[in-house]
Amino acid sequence: MNYEKLIRIVPKMGGVFFEAGANDGVFQSYTCRLERERNWTGVLVEPSLTAYNACKVNRPRSKVLNCALTDEPVETITGDFDGSPMASISGTRLNRPAAVTVKATSLTKVFAEHFKGVTVDLMSIDVENYELNVLRSLDYARFRPQFILAEIYTASFYDVVNFLLGNNYVLINNITNFNKRDNPQWDGTHNDFLFRDLMPAGTARGV
């Protein structure tokens, strides 16, 4: 992660965030530093019960939800949600059995409950190559985060970029910019990319 690069682009004080894949609320969390250093507030989502409980302790100012996000019309979903930062839907990231079932919901439902009439300044999505499914679960006519920070895997890069562009979000920066030259240990799978809303402020109904 590269927090310093992010705040050069999004320097706001006292903003509002949403984070999916929050883990313990601290590990590789951009929103943790925004909350502690720049007085931001917001909502965190974490499906692992162990990580969720740690997140509640580490981030007492944030609303923390124990569930998983999906665009599928289901009430529950399974994964290897054991507290690992790389736990994922169906266990695909680490190729492990999906032995834990959790409540499933959508971004639209979360935003309708927690951000009604509120503009989210930054939405951060880090869900181990399930980002596109999560992004598809938001009604962009109702809710429009000003910036979207998404971990994107190389294999799904164009699908995610084209989906967001179709909803009037433009890619503006590779925040992490991992590469083999500067990061020999990098596995080559993903980077964190920042998108900005192209629609005029106040376009979303937020209802």
Protein backbone atom coordinates (compact mmCIF):
# COMPACT_ATOMS: atom_id res chain seq x y z
CA MET A 1 0.00 0.00 0.00
CA ASN A 2 1.04 3.62 -0.47
CA TYR A 3 -0.90 5.84 1.91
CA GLU A 4 1.21 8.92 1.18
CA LYS A 5 0.37 8.79 -2.52
CA LEU A 6 -3.32 8.38 -1.73
CA ILE A 7 -3.57 11.45 0.51
CA ARG A 8 -1.79 13.58 -2.07
CA ILE A 9 -4.73 12.83 -4.38
CA VAL A 10 -7.41 12.73 -1.68
CA PRO A 11 -6.21 15.25 0.93
CA LYS A 12 -9.58 15.84 2.58
CA MET A 13 -9.87 16.07 6.36
CA GLY A 14 -12.92 14.63 8.11
CA GLY A 15 -14.08 12.52 5.20
CA VAL A 16 -16.30 9.45 5.00
CA PHE A 17 -15.02 6.01 3.99
CA PHE A 18 -16.28 2.52 3.27
CA GLU A 19 -13.95 -0.48 3.28
CA ALA A 20 -14.65 -4.08 2.23
CA GLY A 21 -12.09 -6.69 3.23
CA ALA A 22 -11.13 -4.82 6.37
CA ASN A 23 -9.39 -7.78 8.06
CA ASP A 24 -8.34 -6.67 11.57
CA GLY A 25 -8.86 -3.01 10.70
CA VAL A 26 -5.15 -2.23 10.73
CA PHE A 27 -3.23 -4.59 8.42
CA GLN A 28 -2.80 -2.93 5.01
CA SER A 29 -5.69 -0.58 5.76
CA TYR A 30 -5.75 2.83 4.10
CA THR A 31 -8.86 3.80 6.05
CA CYS A 32 -7.17 3.13 9.40
CA ARG A 33 -4.73 5.95 8.86
CA LEU A 34 -7.42 8.20 7.38
CA GLU A 35 -9.43 7.66 10.56
CA ARG A 36 -6.56 8.11 13.00
CA GLU A 37 -4.63 10.87 11.27
CA ARG A 38 -7.28 12.78 9.30
CA ASN A 39 -10.44 12.30 11.38
CA TRP A 40 -12.37 10.25 8.83
CA THR A 41 -15.33 8.04 9.82
CA GLY A 42 -17.05 5.16 8.12
CA VAL A 43 -18.09 1.53 7.79
CA LEU A 44 -15.95 -1.61 7.57
CA VAL A 45 -16.97 -5.05 6.26
CA GLU A 46 -15.13 -8.24 7.22
CA PRO A 47 -16.49 -11.81 6.79
CA SER A 48 -14.01 -13.62 9.07
CA LEU A 49 -15.37 -13.70 12.63
CA THR A 50 -11.86 -13.70 14.12
CA ALA A 51 -10.78 -10.69 12.07
CA TYR A 52 -14.14 -8.97 12.63
CA ASN A 53 -13.73 -9.21 16.41
CA ALA A 54 -10.19 -7.82 16.16
CA CYS A 55 -11.46 -5.06 13.89
CA LYS A 56 -14.04 -3.98 16.45
CA VAL A 57 -11.27 -3.62 19.04
CA ASN A 58 -8.82 -1.89 16.71
CA ARG A 59 -11.36 0.47 15.11
CA PRO A 60 -13.83 1.50 17.85
CA ARG A 61 -14.85 4.67 15.98
CA SER A 62 -15.98 2.71 12.92
CA LYS A 63 -19.12 0.68 12.30
CA VAL A 64 -17.96 -2.91 11.65
CA LEU A 65 -20.15 -5.47 9.84
CA ASN A 66 -19.56 -9.25 9.86
CA CYS A 67 -20.70 -10.31 6.39
CA ALA A 68 -19.54 -10.76 2.80
CA LEU A 69 -20.49 -8.67 -0.21
CA THR A 70 -21.73 -10.15 -3.47
CA ASP A 71 -23.85 -9.37 -6.51
CA GLU A 72 -25.50 -12.79 -6.28
CA PRO A 73 -29.11 -12.99 -5.01
CA VAL A 74 -28.22 -15.15 -2.00
CA GLU A 75 -28.57 -14.81 1.77
CA THR A 76 -25.33 -16.62 2.67
CA ILE A 77 -22.00 -17.31 0.98
CA THR A 78 -19.04 -19.57 1.76
CA GLY A 79 -15.30 -19.01 1.86
CA ASP A 80 -12.15 -19.85 3.79
CA PHE A 81 -12.83 -17.03 6.24
CA ASP A 82 -10.39 -17.98 9.02
CA GLY A 83 -8.74 -14.61 9.65
CA SER A 84 -6.13 -14.84 6.90
CA PRO A 85 -5.69 -11.55 4.98
CA MET A 86 -5.97 -13.61 1.79
CA ALA A 87 -9.15 -15.48 2.69
CA SER A 88 -11.65 -15.32 -0.15
CA ILE A 89 -15.04 -16.27 -1.51
CA SER A 90 -15.01 -20.02 -2.31
CA GLY A 91 -11.40 -20.17 -1.04
CA THR A 92 -10.08 -19.50 -4.53
CA ARG A 93 -7.21 -17.13 -3.60
CA LEU A 94 -5.31 -19.73 -1.57
CA ASN A 95 -7.01 -22.77 -3.15
CA ARG A 96 -8.40 -23.87 0.21
CA PRO A 97 -11.74 -25.46 1.16
CA ALA A 98 -14.59 -23.00 1.60
CA ALA A 99 -15.67 -24.21 5.02
CA VAL A 100 -17.18 -21.08 6.57
CA THR A 101 -20.63 -19.74 5.72
CA VAL A 102 -21.46 -16.09 6.44
CA LYS A 103 -24.25 -13.64 5.80
CA ALA A 104 -24.22 -12.21 2.27
CA THR A 105 -25.36 -8.75 1.29
CA SER A 106 -24.79 -6.11 -1.38
CA LEU A 107 -23.13 -2.71 -1.46
CA THR A 108 -26.49 -1.15 -2.23
CA LYS A 109 -28.04 -2.59 0.94
CA VAL A 110 -25.12 -1.49 3.10
CA PHE A 111 -25.10 2.01 1.63
CA ALA A 112 -28.88 2.34 1.97
CA GLU A 113 -28.66 1.47 5.66
CA HIS A 114 -25.52 3.37 6.63
CA PHE A 115 -25.00 6.15 4.09
CA LYS A 116 -28.49 7.43 3.30
CA GLY A 117 -28.10 11.08 2.30
CA VAL A 118 -24.32 10.87 2.90
CA THR A 119 -21.61 11.08 0.25
CA VAL A 120 -18.87 8.48 0.65
CA ASP A 121 -15.55 10.13 -0.17
CA LEU A 122 -13.57 6.89 -0.55
CA MET A 123 -14.74 3.32 -1.11
CA SER A 124 -11.94 0.77 -0.66
CA ILE A 125 -12.42 -2.78 -1.97
CA ASP A 126 -9.87 -5.53 -1.23
CA VAL A 127 -11.57 -8.92 -1.55
CA GLU A 128 -8.99 -11.17 -3.23
CA ASN A 129 -10.09 -11.17 -6.88
CA TYR A 130 -13.81 -10.86 -6.11
CA GLU A 131 -13.72 -7.10 -6.63
CA LEU A 132 -15.82 -7.06 -9.81
CA ASN A 133 -18.65 -8.99 -8.18
CA VAL A 134 -18.65 -6.60 -5.24
CA LEU A 135 -18.54 -3.52 -7.46
CA ARG A 136 -21.48 -4.87 -9.45
CA SER A 137 -23.57 -4.97 -6.28
CA LEU A 138 -23.85 -1.16 -5.99
CA ASP A 139 -26.63 0.90 -7.58
CA TYR A 140 -24.57 3.77 -9.00
CA ALA A 141 -27.68 5.81 -9.78
CA ARG A 142 -28.34 5.99 -6.03
CA PHE A 143 -24.87 5.98 -4.50
CA ARG A 144 -21.69 7.42 -5.97
CA PRO A 145 -18.48 7.33 -3.93
CA GLN A 146 -16.21 10.19 -4.99
CA PHE A 147 -13.23 7.84 -5.23
CA ILE A 148 -13.00 4.06 -5.51
CA LEU A 149 -9.80 2.31 -4.44
CA ALA A 150 -9.79 -1.29 -5.63
CA GLU A 151 -7.27 -4.07 -5.49
CA ILE A 152 -7.37 -5.45 -9.03
CA TYR A 153 -5.84 -8.69 -10.21
CA THR A 154 -4.08 -8.69 -13.56
CA ALA A 155 -6.42 -11.30 -15.05
CA SER A 156 -9.52 -9.18 -14.33
CA PHE A 157 -8.00 -5.71 -14.84
CA TYR A 158 -9.81 -4.77 -18.05
CA ASP A 159 -13.13 -6.19 -16.86
CA VAL A 160 -13.01 -4.02 -13.73
CA VAL A 161 -11.78 -0.90 -15.53
CA ASN A 162 -14.41 -1.22 -18.26
CA PHE A 163 -17.18 -1.84 -15.75
CA LEU A 164 -16.29 1.25 -13.75
CA LEU A 165 -15.82 3.34 -16.88
CA GLY A 166 -19.31 2.26 -17.94
CA ASN A 167 -20.52 3.75 -14.66
CA ASN A 168 -18.57 6.99 -15.23
CA TYR A 169 -15.53 6.29 -13.08
CA VAL A 170 -12.11 6.92 -14.60
CA LEU A 171 -8.84 5.27 -13.58
CA ILE A 172 -6.48 7.99 -12.33
CA ASN A 173 -3.63 6.23 -10.52
CA ASN A 174 -1.90 2.96 -9.72
CA ILE A 175 -1.45 3.61 -6.01
CA THR A 176 0.84 0.68 -5.17
CA ASN A 177 2.61 0.39 -8.54
CA PHE A 178 4.17 -2.95 -7.62
CA ASN A 179 6.64 -4.25 -10.19
CA LYS A 180 9.36 -6.89 -10.34
CA ARG A 181 12.20 -4.37 -10.64
CA ASP A 182 11.42 -2.47 -7.46
CA ASN A 183 9.67 -5.34 -5.64
CA PRO A 184 11.44 -8.63 -6.49
CA GLN A 185 9.22 -10.53 -4.02
CA TRP A 186 6.00 -9.35 -5.69
CA ASP A 187 3.97 -12.28 -7.01
CA GLY A 188 2.79 -10.30 -10.04
CA THR A 189 -0.89 -10.77 -9.36
CA HIS A 190 -2.35 -7.39 -8.41
CA ASN A 191 -2.08 -3.68 -7.63
CA ASP A 192 -4.29 -1.09 -5.92
CA PHE A 193 -5.91 1.29 -8.41
CA LEU A 194 -7.73 4.57 -7.73
CA PHE A 195 -10.78 5.70 -9.72
CA ARG A 196 -12.56 9.07 -9.64
CA ASP A 197 -16.23 9.82 -10.23
CA LEU A 198 -16.82 11.76 -13.45
CA MET A 199 -20.40 12.73 -12.63
CA PRO A 200 -21.20 16.17 -11.16
CA ALA A 201 -21.39 16.29 -7.37
CA GLY A 202 -24.89 15.59 -6.13
CA THR A 203 -25.84 13.40 -9.10
CA ALA A 204 -26.64 10.35 -6.96
CA ARG A 205 -29.98 10.31 -5.21
CA GLY A 206 -28.64 8.51 -2.14
CA VAL A 207 -32.05 7.14 -1.15
